[in-house]
Amino acid sequence: MRYPIRHLLLSVALLCVVGARGDAQAPAQDAPPPQKTVPNFVPVTDAMLRSPKPDDWLLYRGNYQGWGYSPLEQINKGNVKNLQLVWSRMMAPGLNEITPIVHDGVMYLGNPGDVIQAIDAGTGDLFWEYRHPLPAREEFPAIHGQRKRSISLYGDKVIFATWNNFIVGLDARTGRRVWQSNRGGNLFVQNSSGPIVMNGVVVAGSTCQVAGFGCYVTGHNVTDGEEVWRNEMIPRAGQPGYDTWGGAAFDKRWMTGVWGLLTYDPDLDLVYYGSSGAGPASEAQRGTIGGTMAGTNTRFAVKPKTGEVVWKHQTLPRDNWDQECTFEMMIINTPVNPDGNASGMLATNPNARRGPRKTLTGIPCKTGIAWSFDAATGEFLWAKQTVEQNLISKIDGKGLVSVNEASVISDVNKTYRICPTFTGGKDWPMGAYNPKTNIMFMPLSNACIDETARTDREAKPEFVYNTTNVAHFPPGKEKVGRIDAISVETGKTVWSWETRVANYSPVLATGSGLLFNGGLDHYLRALDADTGQLIWQTRLPSQTIGGAITYSLNGRQYIAIAAGGGAVAGTQVSLTPESDMAGGNNAIYVFALPQ
């Protein structure tokens, strides 16, 4: 079965003539694409989003809770080797990290540069395409917002965040713009991971990686986009936490935002998000010596209607290493029985009630440390190390973190050996969870750096962390890519799979016990979720870093993934220079079993 796939992919690669460049939008076309109305569209209700039907992929990670899981079982361990390419189509150029949305046989696809499409999920034929008007590429100070990791579907609207900081609602039937909401400020504030929508409220974070200020999370009415609340990350004078920044003036507190995936629990009516760190990396250069920096690297539980913060917990104070604790944490109902003797276990709460409860569990930071909290109250349950790390020396029974003083970049003339790197441990690619086994599957990286603060120039926001970093492997490792299977109940690692090149892509879990995961080496792979054994792989023309999804149409199960992109995970790439990791052209690829 491999030869037909190879020939089809080669043909697609030859047809994909538009490179994955950093353009604001794709080059002008000779003629606009045909605009057709999506037939028989059924509005997406809150009930549908709370309990998505298995045939659809209605949300970024399949459900509000962020599981990255589908109960579909037609494609299984025995027949996955027979997967064939069914259709593919070229996408707009730029950084390509999208996870598609599928509803009633229609795929809603976000392209780089704010190009949104509605596509027949069975054939790849285009219904409509919307191109958001953007300033010229050279006006943007950064390209973080060029990528589209997700868009949302709610009611009769497609909702997304734009590179130039608007929230936009499109008619899902026609692609016509219904409303847009300017979140204000300038082009320094962007969004990469997209919004989440619940009970008539759109919630979206922001990234301001090269800005001389921090950014925010906003809530909007879904009917017209009007902003109804805003939560800033960096405390102002007179607010709690203002004095935790080591005496740095407010205008020297830079870059903290919320750019990772947001998750939501309908029962508790809480949306969960995490904040990033601050720049520059060295606390000596940013003037925050000893400061824990309230608002940074913090997990928040928030009421989506009002923005009220119900609880919060800082998972990394005093960040000197760009460890950005903004990644997804999943809402999981599970027995809580952490094993204090499990490999890597850093702390368990001796006073936490054992037994069933609703938890917020995942790896929120690049440190690669897994955390578990009570989802309703924020009570700390347990924390466990996965990859090599020397940034945190201790976590106590209440979840209070002490950093490793030997790793703090306090001397700007010294080089520090730091594990993990500025791209993780774990980065934005999301993990998955299988409710049948109560196991979560986390994409990780084995990598460390030698970090040195730059002293040959003034530390400015445009220089972000203002360091020079040289990558190297942790002791005993020679493979960058990795997936760990971890028990949500006990924190034990069930198995760990490694591969030479970074698997810089979200994980998809299915009811048939499969995991799908892409890589910088262009491969889409399927693993046995019970053992971590590689079962199947196929090579695509480009880096395979989008989020794999699965859906069913007319009784046939499909696997879809976006590939392409550009310069990502530079530290990991430098560790495997012998590998073919060219970014390649952007396209969406859809597989199924032969009929």
Protein backbone atom coordinates (compact mmCIF):
# COMPACT_ATOMS: atom_id res chain seq x y z
CA MET A 1 0.00 0.00 0.00
CA ARG A 2 2.95 2.36 0.39
CA TYR A 3 3.70 2.86 -3.28
CA PRO A 4 0.34 4.42 -4.25
CA ILE A 5 0.60 6.79 -1.27
CA ARG A 6 4.12 7.78 -2.22
CA HIS A 7 3.13 8.51 -5.80
CA LEU A 8 0.10 10.53 -4.74
CA LEU A 9 2.12 12.57 -2.25
CA LEU A 10 4.80 13.26 -4.86
CA SER A 11 2.13 14.59 -7.19
CA VAL A 12 0.75 16.81 -4.46
CA ALA A 13 4.23 18.10 -3.63
CA LEU A 14 4.79 19.06 -7.27
CA LEU A 15 1.47 20.88 -7.36
CA CYS A 16 2.17 22.84 -4.16
CA VAL A 17 4.11 25.64 -5.79
CA VAL A 18 3.53 28.28 -3.15
CA GLY A 19 6.26 28.20 -0.50
CA ALA A 20 5.70 28.35 3.24
CA ARG A 21 6.99 31.90 3.52
CA GLY A 22 6.25 34.57 6.10
CA ASP A 23 3.87 36.46 3.80
CA ALA A 24 0.83 38.15 5.31
CA GLN A 25 -1.37 36.47 2.72
CA ALA A 26 -1.05 34.19 -0.29
CA PRO A 27 -0.12 35.83 -3.60
CA ALA A 28 -2.98 37.28 -5.63
CA GLN A 29 -4.84 34.70 -7.68
CA ASP A 30 -5.82 35.07 -11.33
CA ALA A 31 -9.44 34.70 -10.31
CA PRO A 32 -11.11 34.49 -6.90
CA PRO A 33 -12.12 30.98 -5.82
CA PRO A 34 -15.76 30.00 -6.26
CA GLN A 35 -18.00 31.00 -3.35
CA LYS A 36 -20.67 28.42 -2.59
CA THR A 37 -23.07 28.17 0.30
CA VAL A 38 -22.59 25.26 2.70
CA PRO A 39 -25.73 23.15 2.17
CA ASN A 40 -28.06 22.10 4.97
CA PHE A 41 -25.98 23.81 7.66
CA VAL A 42 -27.11 23.01 11.21
CA PRO A 43 -26.12 25.62 13.83
CA VAL A 44 -23.76 24.41 16.54
CA THR A 45 -25.41 24.55 19.96
CA ASP A 46 -23.98 24.57 23.46
CA ALA A 47 -25.36 21.05 23.91
CA MET A 48 -23.43 19.86 20.84
CA LEU A 49 -20.21 21.40 22.15
CA ARG A 50 -20.67 19.86 25.59
CA SER A 51 -21.11 16.41 24.06
CA PRO A 52 -19.78 16.37 20.47
CA LYS A 53 -20.98 13.52 18.27
CA PRO A 54 -18.14 11.13 17.36
CA ASP A 55 -18.49 11.79 13.62
CA ASP A 56 -17.48 15.45 14.10
CA TRP A 57 -14.38 17.22 15.34
CA LEU A 58 -16.11 20.31 16.73
CA LEU A 59 -13.40 21.86 18.87
CA TYR A 60 -9.65 22.42 18.74
CA ARG A 61 -8.96 19.32 20.84
CA GLY A 62 -12.18 17.47 20.10
CA ASN A 63 -13.93 18.55 23.31
CA TYR A 64 -13.95 21.47 25.74
CA GLN A 65 -11.81 19.50 28.17
CA GLY A 66 -8.87 19.39 25.73
CA TRP A 67 -8.52 15.61 25.45
CA GLY A 68 -7.50 15.29 21.79
CA TYR A 69 -9.52 12.06 21.75
CA SER A 70 -12.08 10.46 19.43
CA PRO A 71 -14.07 7.27 20.20
CA LEU A 72 -14.00 6.28 16.50
CA GLU A 73 -12.70 2.71 16.01
CA GLN A 74 -12.94 1.84 12.32
CA ILE A 75 -9.23 2.54 11.86
CA ASN A 76 -7.52 0.19 14.31
CA LYS A 77 -4.20 -1.46 15.12
CA GLY A 78 -4.82 -4.23 12.63
CA ASN A 79 -5.72 -2.16 9.57
CA VAL A 80 -3.98 1.20 10.09
CA LYS A 81 -1.17 0.00 7.80
CA ASN A 82 -3.69 0.10 4.94
CA LEU A 83 -4.37 3.85 5.19
CA GLN A 84 -4.37 5.63 1.83
CA LEU A 85 -4.40 9.28 0.84
CA VAL A 86 -7.97 10.22 -0.14
CA TRP A 87 -7.58 13.91 -0.89
CA SER A 88 -5.34 16.87 -0.26
CA ARG A 89 -5.28 20.54 -1.13
CA MET A 90 -2.80 23.37 -1.05
CA MET A 91 -3.00 25.93 1.75
CA ALA A 92 -1.92 29.57 2.02
CA PRO A 93 1.78 30.15 2.77
CA GLY A 94 3.22 30.89 6.20
CA LEU A 95 3.60 29.16 9.56
CA ASN A 96 1.16 26.25 9.40
CA GLU A 97 0.13 24.72 12.73
CA ILE A 98 -3.64 24.44 12.31
CA THR A 99 -6.05 21.86 13.69
CA PRO A 100 -9.14 21.70 11.41
CA ILE A 101 -12.73 21.74 12.64
CA VAL A 102 -15.27 19.31 11.10
CA HIS A 103 -19.06 19.60 11.39
CA ASP A 104 -21.61 17.53 9.42
CA GLY A 105 -19.15 16.67 6.66
CA VAL A 106 -17.72 20.17 6.26
CA MET A 107 -14.14 21.01 7.24
CA TYR A 108 -13.48 24.55 8.45
CA LEU A 109 -9.80 25.24 7.93
CA GLY A 110 -7.73 28.16 9.16
CA ASN A 111 -4.76 29.02 6.94
CA PRO A 112 -1.76 31.21 7.78
CA GLY A 113 -2.39 34.93 7.27
CA ASP A 114 -6.07 34.80 8.26
CA VAL A 115 -7.38 32.82 5.30
CA ILE A 116 -10.43 30.76 6.36
CA GLN A 117 -12.01 28.05 4.21
CA ALA A 118 -15.04 25.76 4.26
CA ILE A 119 -14.27 22.48 2.45
CA ASP A 120 -16.18 19.31 1.67
CA ALA A 121 -14.56 16.90 4.16
CA GLY A 122 -15.17 13.91 1.88
CA THR A 123 -13.74 15.27 -1.37
CA GLY A 124 -11.64 18.36 -0.56
CA ASP A 125 -13.81 20.58 -2.77
CA LEU A 126 -14.03 24.22 -1.67
CA PHE A 127 -17.32 25.78 -0.60
CA TRP A 128 -16.05 29.25 0.30
CA GLU A 129 -12.93 31.17 1.27
CA TYR A 130 -12.52 34.33 3.34
CA ARG A 131 -9.36 36.46 3.34
CA HIS A 132 -9.10 38.96 6.15
CA PRO A 133 -7.64 42.34 5.10
CA LEU A 134 -4.27 42.81 6.80
CA PRO A 135 -1.58 45.48 6.91
CA ALA A 136 1.53 44.84 4.85
CA ARG A 137 3.85 42.15 6.24
CA GLU A 138 6.60 44.69 6.99
CA GLU A 139 4.28 46.57 9.36
CA PHE A 140 4.10 43.61 11.74
CA PRO A 141 6.85 43.49 14.39
CA ALA A 142 6.48 39.69 14.72
CA ILE A 143 4.87 36.71 12.98
CA HIS A 144 3.46 34.88 16.01
CA GLY A 145 -0.08 35.79 14.93
CA GLN A 146 0.43 34.72 11.34
CA ARG A 147 -0.11 31.09 12.33
CA LYS A 148 -3.59 29.77 12.98
CA ARG A 149 -3.58 26.90 15.46
CA SER A 150 -7.37 26.87 15.73
CA ILE A 151 -10.64 28.51 14.83
CA SER A 152 -14.03 28.03 16.53
CA LEU A 153 -17.53 27.14 15.38
CA TYR A 154 -20.52 28.34 17.38
CA GLY A 155 -24.14 28.81 16.34
CA ASP A 156 -24.02 29.82 12.70
CA LYS A 157 -20.61 31.50 12.93
CA VAL A 158 -16.95 30.72 12.39
CA ILE A 159 -14.99 32.73 14.95
CA PHE A 160 -11.27 33.42 14.90
CA ALA A 161 -8.60 35.85 16.10
CA THR A 162 -6.61 37.76 13.50
CA TRP A 163 -2.94 38.60 13.18
CA ASN A 164 -3.80 42.30 13.64
CA ASN A 165 -5.71 41.67 16.89
CA PHE A 166 -9.35 41.53 15.82
CA ILE A 167 -11.90 38.91 16.83
CA VAL A 168 -13.98 38.10 13.74
CA GLY A 169 -17.28 36.29 13.23
CA LEU A 170 -18.09 34.84 9.80
CA ASP A 171 -21.32 33.36 8.51
CA ALA A 172 -20.52 29.63 8.54
CA ARG A 173 -22.77 29.06 5.51
CA THR A 174 -21.29 31.69 3.18
CA GLY A 175 -18.02 32.91 4.68
CA ARG A 176 -19.24 36.50 4.73
CA ARG A 177 -18.06 38.60 7.64
CA VAL A 178 -20.84 39.29 10.14
CA TRP A 179 -18.88 41.28 12.71
CA GLN A 180 -15.40 42.13 13.87
CA SER A 181 -14.13 43.47 17.19
CA ASN A 182 -10.89 45.46 17.39
CA ARG A 183 -9.15 44.60 20.66
CA GLY A 184 -7.17 47.81 20.37
CA GLY A 185 -3.55 48.64 20.89
CA ASN A 186 -1.10 48.08 18.08
CA LEU A 187 0.32 45.24 16.01
CA PHE A 188 2.52 44.09 18.90
CA VAL A 189 -0.49 42.22 20.36
CA GLN A 190 -1.35 39.09 18.37
CA ASN A 191 -2.98 35.67 18.83
CA SER A 192 -1.79 32.25 17.73
CA SER A 193 -3.93 29.60 19.46
CA GLY A 194 -7.38 30.95 18.73
CA PRO A 195 -10.52 31.56 20.81
CA ILE A 196 -12.86 29.26 22.71
CA VAL A 197 -16.63 29.88 22.82
CA MET A 198 -19.14 28.83 25.44
CA ASN A 199 -22.63 29.98 26.49
CA GLY A 200 -22.56 32.96 24.16
CA VAL A 201 -19.11 34.21 25.18
CA VAL A 202 -15.93 34.22 23.11
CA VAL A 203 -12.73 34.04 25.20
CA ALA A 204 -9.34 34.71 23.60
CA GLY A 205 -5.81 35.16 24.88
CA SER A 206 -2.96 37.08 23.28
CA THR A 207 0.76 37.05 22.68
CA CYS A 208 3.07 40.06 22.83
CA GLN A 209 6.50 38.43 22.56
CA VAL A 210 8.32 41.52 21.26
CA ALA A 211 6.30 44.15 23.15
CA GLY A 212 7.46 46.48 25.89
CA PHE A 213 4.32 45.65 27.89
CA GLY A 214 2.18 42.67 28.86
CA CYS A 215 -1.05 41.56 27.24
CA TYR A 216 -4.38 40.09 28.22
CA VAL A 217 -7.35 37.75 27.90
CA THR A 218 -10.68 39.14 26.70
CA GLY A 219 -14.31 38.02 26.73
CA HIS A 220 -16.74 39.00 23.93
CA ASN A 221 -20.43 38.63 23.12
CA VAL A 222 -20.80 36.04 20.38
CA THR A 223 -23.67 37.95 18.76
CA ASP A 224 -21.70 41.08 17.83
CA GLY A 225 -18.14 40.67 19.16
CA GLU A 226 -18.48 43.42 21.77
CA GLU A 227 -15.81 43.10 24.48
CA VAL A 228 -17.35 42.52 27.91
CA TRP A 229 -14.29 41.94 30.07
CA ARG A 230 -10.49 42.06 29.99
CA ASN A 231 -7.93 40.46 32.32
CA GLU A 232 -4.37 41.79 32.18
CA MET A 233 -1.53 39.54 33.29
CA ILE A 234 0.98 42.01 34.79
CA PRO A 235 -0.32 43.70 37.96
CA ARG A 236 -0.43 47.49 38.03
CA ALA A 237 0.45 49.72 40.98
CA GLY A 238 -1.97 49.10 43.84
CA GLN A 239 -3.00 45.67 42.56
CA PRO A 240 -2.07 42.43 44.37
CA GLY A 241 1.32 41.16 43.26
CA TYR A 242 2.68 44.51 42.05
CA ASP A 243 5.51 44.36 44.60
CA THR A 244 6.67 40.88 43.51
CA TRP A 245 8.61 42.16 40.47
CA GLY A 246 11.85 42.93 42.30
CA GLY A 247 11.38 46.69 42.13
CA ALA A 248 11.21 46.87 38.31
CA ALA A 249 9.23 49.84 37.03
CA PHE A 250 5.92 48.97 35.39
CA ASP A 251 7.19 50.05 31.96
CA LYS A 252 10.04 47.54 32.29
CA ARG A 253 7.68 44.58 32.73
CA TRP A 254 7.44 43.03 29.29
CA MET A 255 5.81 40.34 27.21
CA THR A 256 3.65 38.33 29.62
CA GLY A 257 0.58 37.00 27.83
CA VAL A 258 -1.68 33.98 27.36
CA TRP A 259 -0.99 32.32 24.02
CA GLY A 260 -1.60 28.64 24.81
CA LEU A 261 -4.74 26.54 24.46
CA LEU A 262 -7.74 27.41 26.65
CA THR A 263 -9.92 24.61 28.08
CA TYR A 264 -13.37 24.74 29.68
CA ASP A 265 -15.49 22.72 32.09
CA PRO A 266 -19.25 23.13 31.48
CA ASP A 267 -20.22 21.70 34.88
CA LEU A 268 -18.09 24.13 36.88
CA ASP A 269 -18.51 26.87 34.25
CA LEU A 270 -14.78 27.65 34.43
CA VAL A 271 -12.38 28.42 31.61
CA TYR A 272 -8.72 27.60 32.27
CA TYR A 273 -5.70 29.35 30.82
CA GLY A 274 -2.04 29.84 31.64
CA SER A 275 0.28 32.83 31.31
CA SER A 276 3.78 33.06 29.88
CA GLY A 277 7.03 34.45 31.29
CA ALA A 278 8.74 37.83 30.87
CA GLY A 279 11.66 39.25 28.97
CA PRO A 280 14.55 39.53 28.82
CA ALA A 281 15.43 36.09 30.21
CA SER A 282 18.04 37.20 32.75
CA GLU A 283 16.50 38.74 35.84
CA ALA A 284 19.64 40.86 36.14
CA GLN A 285 18.90 42.46 32.77
CA ARG A 286 15.19 42.92 33.36
CA GLY A 287 15.72 44.37 36.87
CA THR A 288 13.60 41.81 38.75
CA ILE A 289 16.30 40.16 40.88
CA GLY A 290 14.67 37.77 43.33
CA GLY A 291 11.17 38.73 42.20
CA THR A 292 8.63 35.95 41.74
CA MET A 293 6.73 38.11 39.20
CA ALA A 294 3.05 37.60 40.02
CA GLY A 295 0.97 37.09 36.90
CA THR A 296 3.68 35.17 35.04
CA ASN A 297 3.61 31.39 34.51
CA THR A 298 0.31 31.09 36.37
CA ARG A 299 -2.70 28.82 35.85
CA PHE A 300 -6.02 30.70 36.12
CA ALA A 301 -9.57 29.39 36.56
CA VAL A 302 -12.02 32.08 35.39
CA LYS A 303 -15.75 32.62 35.03
CA PRO A 304 -16.28 33.14 31.28
CA LYS A 305 -19.27 35.48 31.64
CA THR A 306 -17.46 38.02 33.81
CA GLY A 307 -13.72 37.26 33.79
CA GLU A 308 -13.78 36.70 37.57
CA VAL A 309 -10.70 34.75 38.68
CA VAL A 310 -11.90 31.88 40.90
CA TRP A 311 -8.44 30.49 41.63
CA LYS A 312 -4.86 30.69 40.38
CA HIS A 313 -1.56 28.93 40.97
CA GLN A 314 1.92 29.97 39.86
CA THR A 315 3.69 26.91 38.43
CA LEU A 316 7.03 28.68 37.88
CA PRO A 317 8.13 31.85 39.69
CA ARG A 318 11.21 33.83 38.74
CA ASP A 319 11.49 32.46 35.20
CA ASN A 320 14.95 33.08 33.68
CA TRP A 321 14.55 30.55 30.87
CA ASP A 322 11.44 31.28 28.72
CA GLN A 323 9.52 28.35 30.21
CA GLU A 324 6.07 29.83 29.45
CA CYS A 325 3.43 27.97 31.47
CA THR A 326 0.68 28.69 28.96
CA PHE A 327 0.01 25.20 27.58
CA GLU A 328 -3.18 23.19 27.88
CA MET A 329 -4.33 21.47 31.04
CA MET A 330 -7.10 18.89 30.63
CA ILE A 331 -10.21 18.53 32.78
CA ILE A 332 -10.38 14.87 33.80
CA ASN A 333 -12.61 12.99 36.23
CA THR A 334 -10.30 10.47 37.86
CA PRO A 335 -9.41 8.69 41.07
CA VAL A 336 -6.56 10.59 42.72
CA ASN A 337 -3.95 8.23 44.16
CA PRO A 338 -0.52 9.69 43.36
CA ASP A 339 2.41 7.33 43.85
CA GLY A 340 5.09 9.13 45.82
CA ASN A 341 7.63 6.56 44.63
CA ALA A 342 6.86 6.95 40.93
CA SER A 343 9.86 7.90 38.83
CA GLY A 344 10.20 11.67 38.64
CA MET A 345 7.56 12.41 41.29
CA LEU A 346 8.49 15.79 42.82
CA ALA A 347 5.64 16.32 45.25
CA THR A 348 2.28 15.04 46.43
CA ASN A 349 -0.15 16.83 48.71
CA PRO A 350 -0.29 14.78 51.93
CA ASN A 351 -3.57 16.44 52.92
CA ALA A 352 -5.38 15.99 49.62
CA ARG A 353 -8.37 13.69 49.70
CA ARG A 354 -7.76 10.47 47.78
CA GLY A 355 -10.34 8.93 45.51
CA PRO A 356 -12.55 10.29 42.69
CA ARG A 357 -12.60 13.98 41.86
CA LYS A 358 -12.53 16.38 38.93
CA THR A 359 -8.95 17.40 38.18
CA LEU A 360 -7.06 19.81 35.99
CA THR A 361 -4.09 17.80 34.78
CA GLY A 362 -1.35 18.26 32.18
CA ILE A 363 2.07 19.70 31.47
CA PRO A 364 1.53 23.47 31.49
CA CYS A 365 5.17 24.62 31.13
CA LYS A 366 8.21 23.97 28.98
CA THR A 367 9.83 22.50 32.11
CA GLY A 368 8.08 19.24 31.20
CA ILE A 369 6.72 18.91 34.75
CA ALA A 370 3.24 17.36 34.92
CA TRP A 371 0.85 18.98 37.40
CA SER A 372 -2.55 17.98 38.78
CA PHE A 373 -4.98 20.28 40.62
CA ASP A 374 -8.53 20.03 41.86
CA ALA A 375 -10.40 21.67 38.98
CA ALA A 376 -12.95 23.42 41.22
CA THR A 377 -10.71 24.78 43.97
CA GLY A 378 -7.16 24.74 42.62
CA GLU A 379 -5.98 22.50 45.46
CA PHE A 380 -2.57 21.07 44.53
CA LEU A 381 -2.57 17.27 44.12
CA TRP A 382 0.78 16.19 42.63
CA ALA A 383 3.67 17.20 40.37
CA LYS A 384 6.03 14.95 38.41
CA GLN A 385 9.15 15.53 36.31
CA THR A 386 9.32 13.95 32.85
CA VAL A 387 12.30 15.28 30.83
CA GLU A 388 15.70 16.33 32.18
CA GLN A 389 15.32 19.64 34.04
CA ASN A 390 17.51 21.65 36.41
CA LEU A 391 15.33 24.74 36.86
CA ILE A 392 13.15 23.67 39.79
CA SER A 393 14.82 22.36 42.92
CA LYS A 394 11.72 21.69 45.01
CA ILE A 395 7.93 21.68 45.05
CA ASP A 396 6.35 21.44 48.49
CA GLY A 397 3.15 19.67 49.54
CA LYS A 398 1.03 22.72 48.65
CA GLY A 399 2.57 23.13 45.21
CA LEU A 400 4.88 26.04 46.11
CA VAL A 401 7.85 26.07 43.73
CA SER A 402 11.48 26.82 44.64
CA VAL A 403 13.78 27.46 41.69
CA ASN A 404 17.31 26.13 41.43
CA GLU A 405 19.49 29.14 42.34
CA ALA A 406 22.44 27.68 40.43
CA SER A 407 20.44 27.99 37.19
CA VAL A 408 19.21 31.57 37.69
CA ILE A 409 20.84 33.85 35.08
CA SER A 410 22.14 36.32 37.66
CA ASP A 411 25.62 36.78 36.17
CA VAL A 412 25.36 38.13 32.62
CA ASN A 413 28.99 37.25 31.93
CA LYS A 414 28.53 33.56 32.68
CA THR A 415 27.23 30.67 30.56
CA TYR A 416 24.67 28.41 32.23
CA ARG A 417 23.85 24.83 31.26
CA ILE A 418 20.06 24.75 31.24
CA CYS A 419 17.58 21.90 30.83
CA PRO A 420 15.19 21.97 29.06
CA THR A 421 15.41 24.57 26.27
CA PHE A 422 13.44 27.64 25.22
CA THR A 423 11.27 25.30 23.13
CA GLY A 424 10.72 22.78 25.89
CA GLY A 425 10.56 20.00 27.52
CA LYS A 426 7.11 20.43 26.17
CA ASP A 427 6.02 23.23 23.88
CA TRP A 428 2.62 24.18 22.44
CA PRO A 429 1.93 20.78 20.71
CA MET A 430 -0.83 19.33 22.80
CA GLY A 431 -1.05 16.00 24.55
CA ALA A 432 -4.01 13.62 24.42
CA TYR A 433 -6.02 11.60 26.93
CA ASN A 434 -7.82 8.25 26.57
CA PRO A 435 -10.75 7.95 29.02
CA LYS A 436 -10.83 4.16 28.56
CA THR A 437 -7.41 3.74 30.15
CA ASN A 438 -7.10 6.99 32.17
CA ILE A 439 -3.73 7.60 30.47
CA MET A 440 -2.48 10.90 29.04
CA PHE A 441 0.05 10.98 26.20
CA MET A 442 2.48 13.89 26.14
CA PRO A 443 4.74 14.99 23.25
CA LEU A 444 8.13 15.94 24.72
CA SER A 445 11.68 16.84 23.68
CA ASN A 446 15.04 15.69 25.01
CA ALA A 447 17.17 18.83 24.75
CA CYS A 448 19.26 21.23 26.83
CA ILE A 449 21.11 24.48 26.09
CA ASP A 450 24.11 26.50 27.14
CA GLU A 451 22.49 29.88 27.81
CA THR A 452 24.39 33.18 27.89
CA ALA A 453 22.89 36.66 28.29
CA ARG A 454 23.80 39.06 25.49
CA THR A 455 25.88 41.98 26.78
CA ASP A 456 26.89 43.38 23.39
CA ARG A 457 23.60 45.26 23.07
CA GLU A 458 20.94 46.84 25.23
CA ALA A 459 18.17 44.48 26.28
CA LYS A 460 15.09 45.64 24.37
CA PRO A 461 11.71 44.02 23.69
CA GLU A 462 12.64 43.47 20.04
CA PHE A 463 15.44 41.15 21.22
CA VAL A 464 12.93 39.11 23.25
CA TYR A 465 14.99 37.05 25.72
CA ASN A 466 18.35 38.59 24.67
CA THR A 467 20.40 35.42 25.01
CA THR A 468 22.68 33.21 22.97
CA ASN A 469 21.75 29.53 23.22
CA VAL A 470 23.71 26.49 22.06
CA ALA A 471 21.81 23.20 22.04
CA HIS A 472 23.04 19.85 23.32
CA PHE A 473 21.49 16.55 24.36
CA PRO A 474 20.83 15.69 28.01
CA PRO A 475 23.16 13.02 29.43
CA GLY A 476 22.48 9.60 27.91
CA LYS A 477 20.13 10.87 25.19
CA GLU A 478 20.57 10.98 21.42
CA LYS A 479 16.94 11.23 20.29
CA VAL A 480 15.02 14.52 20.45
CA GLY A 481 11.43 13.38 19.93
CA ARG A 482 9.46 11.61 22.62
CA ILE A 483 5.98 10.67 23.85
CA ASP A 484 5.35 9.67 27.48
CA ALA A 485 2.24 7.77 28.56
CA ILE A 486 1.37 8.81 32.13
CA SER A 487 -1.32 7.53 34.49
CA VAL A 488 -3.60 10.39 35.50
CA GLU A 489 -4.49 8.57 38.71
CA THR A 490 -1.00 7.75 40.01
CA GLY A 491 1.43 9.86 37.98
CA LYS A 492 3.38 6.74 36.97
CA THR A 493 4.95 6.64 33.53
CA VAL A 494 3.48 3.62 31.73
CA TRP A 495 5.82 3.79 28.72
CA SER A 496 8.07 6.22 26.88
CA TRP A 497 8.71 6.23 23.12
CA GLU A 498 11.59 8.14 21.51
CA THR A 499 12.53 9.07 17.95
CA ARG A 500 15.60 10.80 16.55
CA VAL A 501 13.92 13.96 15.17
CA ALA A 502 11.56 16.23 17.12
CA ASN A 503 7.91 15.13 16.95
CA TYR A 504 6.80 18.75 17.16
CA SER A 505 3.08 18.08 16.65
CA PRO A 506 -0.03 17.48 18.79
CA VAL A 507 -1.07 13.92 19.66
CA LEU A 508 -4.41 12.39 18.64
CA ALA A 509 -5.81 9.41 20.59
CA THR A 510 -8.58 7.17 19.27
CA GLY A 511 -11.00 4.67 20.78
CA SER A 512 -9.25 1.84 18.94
CA GLY A 513 -6.09 2.35 20.98
CA LEU A 514 -4.09 4.33 18.41
CA LEU A 515 -2.04 7.52 18.70
CA PHE A 516 -1.33 9.74 15.69
CA ASN A 517 1.55 12.22 15.77
CA GLY A 518 3.54 14.21 13.21
CA GLY A 519 7.18 15.22 13.15
CA LEU A 520 9.70 17.68 11.77
CA ASP A 521 11.06 14.82 9.63
CA HIS A 522 7.82 14.95 7.57
CA TYR A 523 6.38 11.71 8.97
CA LEU A 524 2.84 11.09 10.15
CA ARG A 525 2.97 8.12 12.52
CA ALA A 526 0.56 5.79 14.29
CA LEU A 527 1.57 4.21 17.62
CA ASP A 528 -0.01 1.55 19.78
CA ALA A 529 -1.39 3.50 22.74
CA ASP A 530 -0.97 0.50 25.04
CA THR A 531 2.71 -0.13 24.37
CA GLY A 532 4.17 2.85 22.51
CA GLN A 533 5.14 0.60 19.60
CA LEU A 534 5.30 2.25 16.17
CA ILE A 535 2.73 0.56 13.89
CA TRP A 536 2.58 2.72 10.75
CA GLN A 537 4.15 5.80 9.22
CA THR A 538 4.04 7.70 5.96
CA ARG A 539 6.24 10.53 4.76
CA LEU A 540 4.62 13.80 3.66
CA PRO A 541 6.26 16.48 1.52
CA SER A 542 6.62 18.94 4.43
CA GLN A 543 7.11 19.25 8.17
CA THR A 544 4.10 17.58 9.77
CA ILE A 545 3.34 19.92 12.67
CA GLY A 546 -0.39 20.54 12.46
CA GLY A 547 -2.86 18.83 14.77
CA ALA A 548 -4.12 15.45 13.51
CA ILE A 549 -7.87 14.91 13.75
CA THR A 550 -10.30 12.13 12.90
CA TYR A 551 -13.91 12.25 11.75
CA SER A 552 -16.48 10.04 10.02
CA LEU A 553 -18.58 10.71 6.94
CA ASN A 554 -21.09 8.27 5.45
CA GLY A 555 -19.68 5.49 7.61
CA ARG A 556 -16.04 6.05 6.61
CA GLN A 557 -13.44 7.22 9.13
CA TYR A 558 -10.82 9.78 8.04
CA ILE A 559 -7.53 11.02 9.49
CA ALA A 560 -6.53 14.59 8.57
CA ILE A 561 -3.41 16.64 9.26
CA ALA A 562 -1.94 19.92 8.01
CA ALA A 563 1.72 19.99 7.01
CA GLY A 564 4.17 22.69 6.01
CA GLY A 565 5.12 25.61 8.17
CA GLY A 566 8.55 27.10 8.36
CA ALA A 567 11.22 27.83 10.95
CA VAL A 568 10.01 26.16 14.16
CA ALA A 569 11.71 24.51 17.11
CA GLY A 570 15.13 25.78 16.05
CA THR A 571 16.93 24.33 19.05
CA GLN A 572 15.63 20.83 18.36
CA VAL A 573 16.41 21.14 14.65
CA SER A 574 20.05 21.99 15.39
CA LEU A 575 20.50 18.71 17.29
CA THR A 576 19.76 16.54 14.25
CA PRO A 577 21.44 18.34 11.31
CA GLU A 578 21.72 15.12 9.31
CA SER A 579 17.94 14.84 9.02
CA ASP A 580 15.75 16.23 6.23
CA MET A 581 13.54 18.74 8.02
CA ALA A 582 12.83 21.34 5.33
CA GLY A 583 9.67 23.30 6.05
CA GLY A 584 8.10 22.58 2.68
CA ASN A 585 4.85 23.81 1.17
CA ASN A 586 1.57 24.03 3.04
CA ALA A 587 -1.24 21.54 2.44
CA ILE A 588 -3.91 19.53 4.22
CA TYR A 589 -3.74 15.72 3.82
CA VAL A 590 -6.66 13.36 4.46
CA PHE A 591 -6.35 9.57 4.77
CA ALA A 592 -8.82 6.68 5.01
CA LEU A 593 -8.95 2.93 4.56
CA PRO A 594 -9.57 1.65 1.01
CA GLN A 595 -13.21 1.12 0.12
